[in-house]
N, C-alpha and C. Protein backbone atom coordinates (compact mmCIF):
# COMPACT_ATOMS: atom_id res chain seq x y z
N UNK A 1 0.76 -1.34 -0.29
CA UNK A 1 0.44 -0.11 0.18
C UNK A 1 1.56 1.52 0.48
N UNK A 2 0.82 2.01 -0.90
CA UNK A 2 1.86 3.55 -0.52
C UNK A 2 1.52 4.00 0.01
N UNK A 3 1.03 4.16 0.36
CA UNK A 3 0.78 5.80 1.93
C UNK A 3 0.60 5.37 3.52
N UNK A 4 0.85 3.62 3.18
CA UNK A 4 1.29 3.35 3.94
C UNK A 4 2.58 3.53 5.04
N UNK A 5 2.42 4.23 6.07
CA UNK A 5 3.87 4.69 7.56
C UNK A 5 3.92 3.04 7.71
N UNK A 6 5.85 3.12 7.83
CA UNK A 6 5.95 2.27 8.48
C UNK A 6 5.94 2.64 9.72
N UNK A 7 5.62 2.07 10.92
CA UNK A 7 5.91 2.14 12.71
C UNK A 7 7.12 1.21 12.85
N UNK A 8 7.60 0.37 13.07
CA UNK A 8 8.81 -0.19 13.78
C UNK A 8 8.32 -1.90 13.60
N UNK A 9 9.01 -2.30 13.71
CA UNK A 9 9.15 -3.69 14.18
C UNK A 9 8.32 -4.22 15.29
N UNK A 10 7.66 -5.42 14.63
CA UNK A 10 6.19 -5.68 15.57
C UNK A 10 7.35 -6.23 17.38
N UNK A 11 8.61 -6.86 17.78
CA UNK A 11 9.21 -7.01 18.75
C UNK A 11 9.10 -6.04 19.73
N UNK A 12 8.84 -4.47 19.01
CA UNK A 12 9.54 -3.33 20.24
C UNK A 12 7.94 -3.14 20.53
N UNK A 13 7.07 -3.11 19.85
CA UNK A 13 5.64 -3.26 21.30
C UNK A 13 5.33 -3.60 21.58
N UNK A 14 5.78 -3.84 22.81
CA UNK A 14 4.97 -4.86 23.17
C UNK A 14 4.19 -3.80 24.42
N UNK A 15 2.95 -4.70 25.24
CA UNK A 15 2.03 -3.66 25.94
C UNK A 15 2.46 -2.42 26.17
N UNK A 16 2.37 -1.49 26.14
CA UNK A 16 2.41 -0.14 27.20
C UNK A 16 2.87 0.16 26.56
N UNK A 17 4.05 -0.02 25.82
CA UNK A 17 5.18 0.86 24.19
C UNK A 17 4.54 1.76 23.38
N UNK A 18 4.69 2.81 23.56
CA UNK A 18 4.18 4.43 23.18
C UNK A 18 5.26 5.20 22.88
N UNK A 19 5.08 4.95 21.58
CA UNK A 19 6.08 6.06 19.98
C UNK A 19 5.13 6.90 19.32
N UNK A 20 6.05 7.20 18.63
CA UNK A 20 5.44 8.89 18.16
C UNK A 20 6.07 7.95 16.47
N UNK A 21 5.50 8.06 15.59
CA UNK A 21 4.84 8.01 14.65
C UNK A 21 4.78 8.47 13.13
N UNK A 22 5.34 9.27 12.58
CA UNK A 22 4.59 10.47 12.14
C UNK A 22 3.74 11.36 12.42
N UNK A 23 2.69 11.19 11.82
CA UNK A 23 1.63 12.59 13.24
C UNK A 23 0.77 11.87 14.03
N UNK A 24 1.19 10.38 14.49
CA UNK A 24 0.23 9.30 15.32
C UNK A 24 1.10 9.09 16.56
N UNK A 25 0.44 9.06 17.26
CA UNK A 25 1.49 8.09 18.69
C UNK A 25 0.53 6.78 17.85
N UNK A 26 1.35 5.70 18.51
CA UNK A 26 1.55 4.06 18.10
C UNK A 26 1.49 3.94 19.05
N UNK A 27 0.92 2.44 19.74
CA UNK A 27 1.30 1.71 21.29
C UNK A 27 0.37 0.70 21.22
N UNK A 28 0.64 -0.30 21.93
CA UNK A 28 -0.10 -1.42 22.10
C UNK A 28 -0.95 -1.15 23.40
N UNK A 29 -1.78 -1.02 23.97
CA UNK A 29 -2.96 -1.13 24.49
C UNK A 29 -3.37 -2.48 25.22
N UNK A 30 -2.65 -3.13 26.32
CA UNK A 30 -3.60 -4.79 26.88
C UNK A 30 -3.22 -5.34 25.31
N UNK A 31 -2.73 -5.38 24.40
CA UNK A 31 -2.37 -5.96 22.85
C UNK A 31 -3.03 -5.94 21.57
N UNK A 32 -3.48 -5.18 21.75
CA UNK A 32 -4.15 -4.44 21.37
C UNK A 32 -3.77 -2.71 20.26
N UNK A 33 -3.26 -3.21 19.44
CA UNK A 33 -2.20 -2.18 18.23
C UNK A 33 -3.31 -1.28 18.76
N UNK A 34 -3.43 0.40 18.52
CA UNK A 34 -3.59 1.21 17.67
C UNK A 34 -2.69 2.26 17.55
N UNK A 35 -3.57 3.48 16.85
CA UNK A 35 -2.14 4.15 16.24
C UNK A 35 -3.33 5.84 15.91
N UNK A 36 -3.62 7.44 16.90
CA UNK A 36 -4.10 7.74 16.67
C UNK A 36 -3.40 9.26 16.44
N UNK A 37 -4.34 10.34 16.44
CA UNK A 37 -3.42 11.42 16.04
C UNK A 37 -3.06 12.02 18.01
N UNK A 38 -1.45 12.91 17.57
CA UNK A 38 -0.54 12.95 18.17
C UNK A 38 -0.92 13.82 19.16
N UNK A 39 -2.13 14.77 18.99
CA UNK A 39 -2.04 15.83 20.02
C UNK A 39 -2.80 16.15 20.51
N UNK A 40 -3.29 16.11 22.10
CA UNK A 40 -4.24 16.12 22.37
C UNK A 40 -5.50 17.79 22.34
N UNK A 41 -6.37 17.60 22.36
CA UNK A 41 -7.06 18.29 22.31
C UNK A 41 -7.41 19.35 22.85
N UNK A 42 -6.77 19.24 23.73
CA UNK A 42 -6.43 20.28 25.88
C UNK A 42 -6.09 21.39 24.58
N UNK A 43 -4.12 21.27 25.04
CA UNK A 43 -3.18 22.81 24.44
C UNK A 43 -1.98 21.77 23.34
N UNK A 44 -2.58 20.96 22.40
CA UNK A 44 -1.99 20.09 22.19
C UNK A 44 0.13 19.13 22.83
N UNK A 45 -0.62 19.26 23.39
CA UNK A 45 0.76 18.58 24.38
C UNK A 45 0.80 17.10 22.68
N UNK A 46 1.82 16.33 23.32
CA UNK A 46 3.20 15.29 21.89
C UNK A 46 2.25 13.53 22.54
N UNK A 47 0.73 13.81 22.25
CA UNK A 47 0.51 12.46 23.49
C UNK A 47 1.11 11.02 22.81
N UNK A 48 2.35 11.41 22.55
CA UNK A 48 3.07 10.15 21.97
C UNK A 48 4.36 10.53 23.48
N UNK A 49 4.63 11.15 24.15
CA UNK A 49 5.18 11.98 25.91
C UNK A 49 3.98 10.91 26.45
N UNK A 50 3.27 10.45 25.97
CA UNK A 50 2.48 10.01 27.29
C UNK A 50 2.55 8.78 27.50
N UNK A 51 1.43 8.39 28.06
CA UNK A 51 1.17 6.89 28.89
C UNK A 51 -0.16 6.14 28.02
N UNK A 52 -0.11 4.60 29.07
CA UNK A 52 -1.12 4.28 28.03
C UNK A 52 -1.89 3.30 30.02
N UNK A 53 -2.98 4.02 30.27
CA UNK A 53 -3.05 3.93 31.74
C UNK A 53 -3.95 1.85 32.30
N UNK A 54 -4.30 1.58 33.30
CA UNK A 54 -4.88 0.00 33.14
C UNK A 54 -5.40 -0.25 32.96
N UNK A 55 -6.23 0.75 32.00
CA UNK A 55 -7.81 0.52 31.78
C UNK A 55 -7.37 0.53 30.11
N UNK A 56 -6.09 0.90 30.01
CA UNK A 56 -6.44 0.60 28.06
C UNK A 56 -6.63 2.37 27.82
N UNK A 57 -6.60 3.30 27.82
CA UNK A 57 -6.43 4.10 27.64
C UNK A 57 -5.40 5.27 27.28
N UNK A 58 -5.30 6.18 25.94
CA UNK A 58 -4.02 6.94 26.54
C UNK A 58 -4.03 8.38 27.34
N UNK A 59 -3.14 8.65 27.94
CA UNK A 59 -3.29 9.63 29.38
C UNK A 59 -2.79 10.63 28.13
N UNK A 60 -2.31 11.89 28.16
CA UNK A 60 -2.11 13.21 27.82
C UNK A 60 -0.73 12.83 29.10
N UNK A 61 0.58 13.82 28.26
CA UNK A 61 1.59 13.61 29.61
C UNK A 61 1.50 15.17 30.28
N UNK A 62 0.72 16.39 29.82
CA UNK A 62 0.53 17.31 30.28
C UNK A 62 -0.41 17.67 31.84
N UNK A 63 -1.07 16.87 31.10
CA UNK A 63 -2.59 17.59 32.14
C UNK A 63 -3.54 16.55 32.21
N UNK A 64 -2.83 15.11 32.15
CA UNK A 64 -3.29 13.96 32.52
C UNK A 64 -4.93 13.35 31.77
N UNK A 65 -5.44 14.56 31.21
CA UNK A 65 -6.77 13.19 30.14
C UNK A 65 -6.37 12.15 29.09
N UNK A 66 -7.60 11.68 29.31
CA UNK A 66 -6.92 10.48 29.45
C UNK A 66 -8.02 10.62 27.30
N UNK A 67 -7.41 9.40 26.73
CA UNK A 67 -8.31 8.69 25.08
C UNK A 67 -8.82 7.12 25.30
N UNK A 68 -9.77 7.78 24.51
CA UNK A 68 -10.02 5.80 23.91
C UNK A 68 -9.68 5.86 23.10
N UNK A 69 -8.52 4.89 23.10
CA UNK A 69 -7.93 4.10 21.96
C UNK A 69 -8.48 3.46 20.70
N UNK A 70 -9.96 2.87 20.58
CA UNK A 70 -10.59 2.94 20.06
C UNK A 70 -10.90 3.44 18.88
N UNK A 71 -11.50 4.73 19.46
CA UNK A 71 -12.04 6.12 19.37
C UNK A 71 -12.46 7.23 18.92
N UNK A 72 -10.66 7.48 19.77
CA UNK A 72 -10.58 8.69 20.11
C UNK A 72 -11.25 9.39 20.65
N UNK A 73 -11.86 8.89 21.49
CA UNK A 73 -12.97 10.48 22.31
C UNK A 73 -12.46 10.49 23.42
N UNK A 74 -11.97 11.86 24.13
CA UNK A 74 -11.77 11.51 25.44
C UNK A 74 -12.41 11.12 26.31
N UNK A 75 -12.35 10.78 27.56
CA UNK A 75 -13.10 9.87 28.39
C UNK A 75 -12.83 10.15 29.52
N UNK A 76 -11.75 11.59 29.85
CA UNK A 76 -11.37 11.96 30.95
C UNK A 76 -10.86 13.88 31.14
N UNK A 77 -10.48 14.46 30.98
CA UNK A 77 -11.21 16.29 30.60
C UNK A 77 -9.39 16.55 31.31
N UNK A 78 -9.23 18.04 31.20
CA UNK A 78 -7.72 17.65 32.07
C UNK A 78 -7.87 17.93 32.66
N UNK A 79 -6.45 17.38 33.56
CA UNK A 79 -6.82 16.85 35.32
C UNK A 79 -5.83 18.33 35.74
N UNK A 80 -5.50 18.64 37.28
CA UNK A 80 -4.76 19.31 37.43
C UNK A 80 -5.69 20.65 37.90
N UNK A 81 -5.46 21.99 37.86
CA UNK A 81 -6.01 23.27 37.77
C UNK A 81 -6.47 22.74 37.06
N UNK A 82 -6.54 21.97 36.38
CA UNK A 82 -7.61 22.59 34.83
C UNK A 82 -9.22 21.57 35.32
N UNK A 83 -9.10 20.83 36.07
CA UNK A 83 -10.30 19.71 37.23
C UNK A 83 -10.94 20.44 37.63
N UNK A 84 -10.31 22.23 37.70
CA UNK A 84 -11.32 22.67 38.55
C UNK A 84 -11.91 23.85 37.61
N UNK A 85 -12.05 23.87 36.34
CA UNK A 85 -12.31 24.76 35.89
C UNK A 85 -13.80 24.42 34.99
N UNK A 86 -14.88 25.02 35.64
CA UNK A 86 -16.33 24.76 35.45
C UNK A 86 -17.14 24.52 34.21
N UNK A 87 -16.75 22.65 33.55
CA UNK A 87 -17.03 22.28 32.62
C UNK A 87 -16.06 22.14 31.16
N UNK A 88 -14.63 22.38 32.31
CA UNK A 88 -13.95 22.03 31.21
C UNK A 88 -13.83 21.21 30.55
N UNK A 89 -13.91 19.89 31.06
CA UNK A 89 -13.67 18.36 30.78
C UNK A 89 -14.68 17.95 30.34
N UNK A 90 -16.12 18.62 30.91
CA UNK A 90 -16.72 18.20 29.22
C UNK A 90 -17.17 18.23 28.24
N UNK A 91 -17.07 19.75 28.09
CA UNK A 91 -16.68 20.57 26.72
C UNK A 91 -15.79 19.91 26.27
N UNK A 92 -14.31 19.69 26.14
CA UNK A 92 -13.71 18.87 25.49
C UNK A 92 -14.03 17.44 25.08
N UNK A 93 -14.87 16.32 25.80
CA UNK A 93 -15.77 15.10 25.71
C UNK A 93 -16.51 15.75 24.90
N UNK A 94 -17.14 16.68 24.97
CA UNK A 94 -18.29 16.37 23.79
C UNK A 94 -17.23 16.86 22.66
N UNK A 95 -16.61 17.35 22.20
CA UNK A 95 -15.59 17.71 21.38
C UNK A 95 -15.28 17.06 20.38
N UNK A 96 -14.39 15.71 21.37
CA UNK A 96 -14.43 14.48 20.64
C UNK A 96 -15.13 13.55 20.02
N UNK A 97 -16.25 13.81 21.09
CA UNK A 97 -17.53 13.06 20.81
C UNK A 97 -17.62 13.59 18.82
N UNK A 98 -17.90 14.85 18.71
CA UNK A 98 -17.81 15.23 17.36
C UNK A 98 -16.60 15.13 16.35
N UNK A 99 -15.21 15.36 17.46
CA UNK A 99 -14.13 15.62 15.99
C UNK A 99 -13.32 14.58 17.70
N UNK A 100 -13.08 13.05 17.40
CA UNK A 100 -12.41 12.35 18.22
C UNK A 100 -11.11 12.44 17.00
N UNK A 101 -9.91 11.74 18.29
CA UNK A 101 -8.70 12.03 16.79
C UNK A 101 -8.86 11.09 15.87
N UNK A 102 -8.07 11.86 14.94
CA UNK A 102 -8.06 11.32 13.64
C UNK A 102 -6.92 9.30 14.40
N UNK A 103 -7.86 8.71 13.62
CA UNK A 103 -6.83 7.08 13.69
C UNK A 103 -6.51 6.25 11.81
N UNK A 104 -5.04 5.51 12.24
CA UNK A 104 -5.32 4.87 11.39
C UNK A 104 -5.04 3.27 12.27
N UNK A 105 -5.14 2.72 10.06
CA UNK A 105 -5.74 1.24 10.96
C UNK A 105 -3.57 0.07 11.32
N UNK A 106 -3.61 -0.59 12.23
CA UNK A 106 -2.03 -1.25 12.68
C UNK A 106 -1.76 -2.23 11.78
N UNK A 107 -1.48 -2.37 10.99
CA UNK A 107 -1.56 -3.87 10.92
C UNK A 107 0.45 -4.12 9.90
N UNK A 108 0.46 -5.52 10.98
CA UNK A 108 2.12 -5.90 10.89
C UNK A 108 2.19 -6.86 9.39
N UNK A 109 2.87 -7.15 8.67
CA UNK A 109 3.59 -7.35 7.43
C UNK A 109 5.07 -7.58 8.03
N UNK A 110 5.03 -9.17 7.34
CA UNK A 110 7.00 -9.27 8.15
C UNK A 110 6.91 -9.25 9.21
N UNK A 111 6.87 -8.90 10.44
CA UNK A 111 7.75 -8.82 11.81
C UNK A 111 7.76 -7.48 11.44
N UNK A 112 7.12 -6.30 11.29
CA UNK A 112 7.01 -4.85 11.16
C UNK A 112 5.50 -4.05 10.61
N UNK A 113 5.63 -3.52 11.90
CA UNK A 113 4.29 -2.84 11.76
C UNK A 113 3.87 -1.92 10.78
N UNK A 114 2.59 -1.30 10.52
CA UNK A 114 2.25 -0.56 9.28
C UNK A 114 1.16 0.28 9.66
N UNK A 115 1.19 1.79 9.09
CA UNK A 115 -0.05 2.03 9.86
C UNK A 115 -1.12 2.54 8.21
N UNK A 116 -2.20 2.00 8.71
CA UNK A 116 -2.40 2.79 6.65
C UNK A 116 -3.61 3.59 6.83
């Protein structure tokens, strides 16, 4: 496929691993590979610098917002001081219901993951 983006060797993506690949944060959430747009909807933090929590959600490295990696929707709004702003978390959750993070399919071919 000509527009496929090489993500890296399958062996490098053990559960919990997260990497930046082109415009995507690519990771292994509880054994399932995902690729979502790298920029948090809150203040555009690089989600590839985040983490994957025990529930399999992608967590923003700056303010702790959490995203469902299957849908790209925010499931928990920004935390810390931002959590004290009335309606902020709900507003971002609504935004990502309408405009979720972009997603690409991750496929393995010949021991390498590709984004299609």
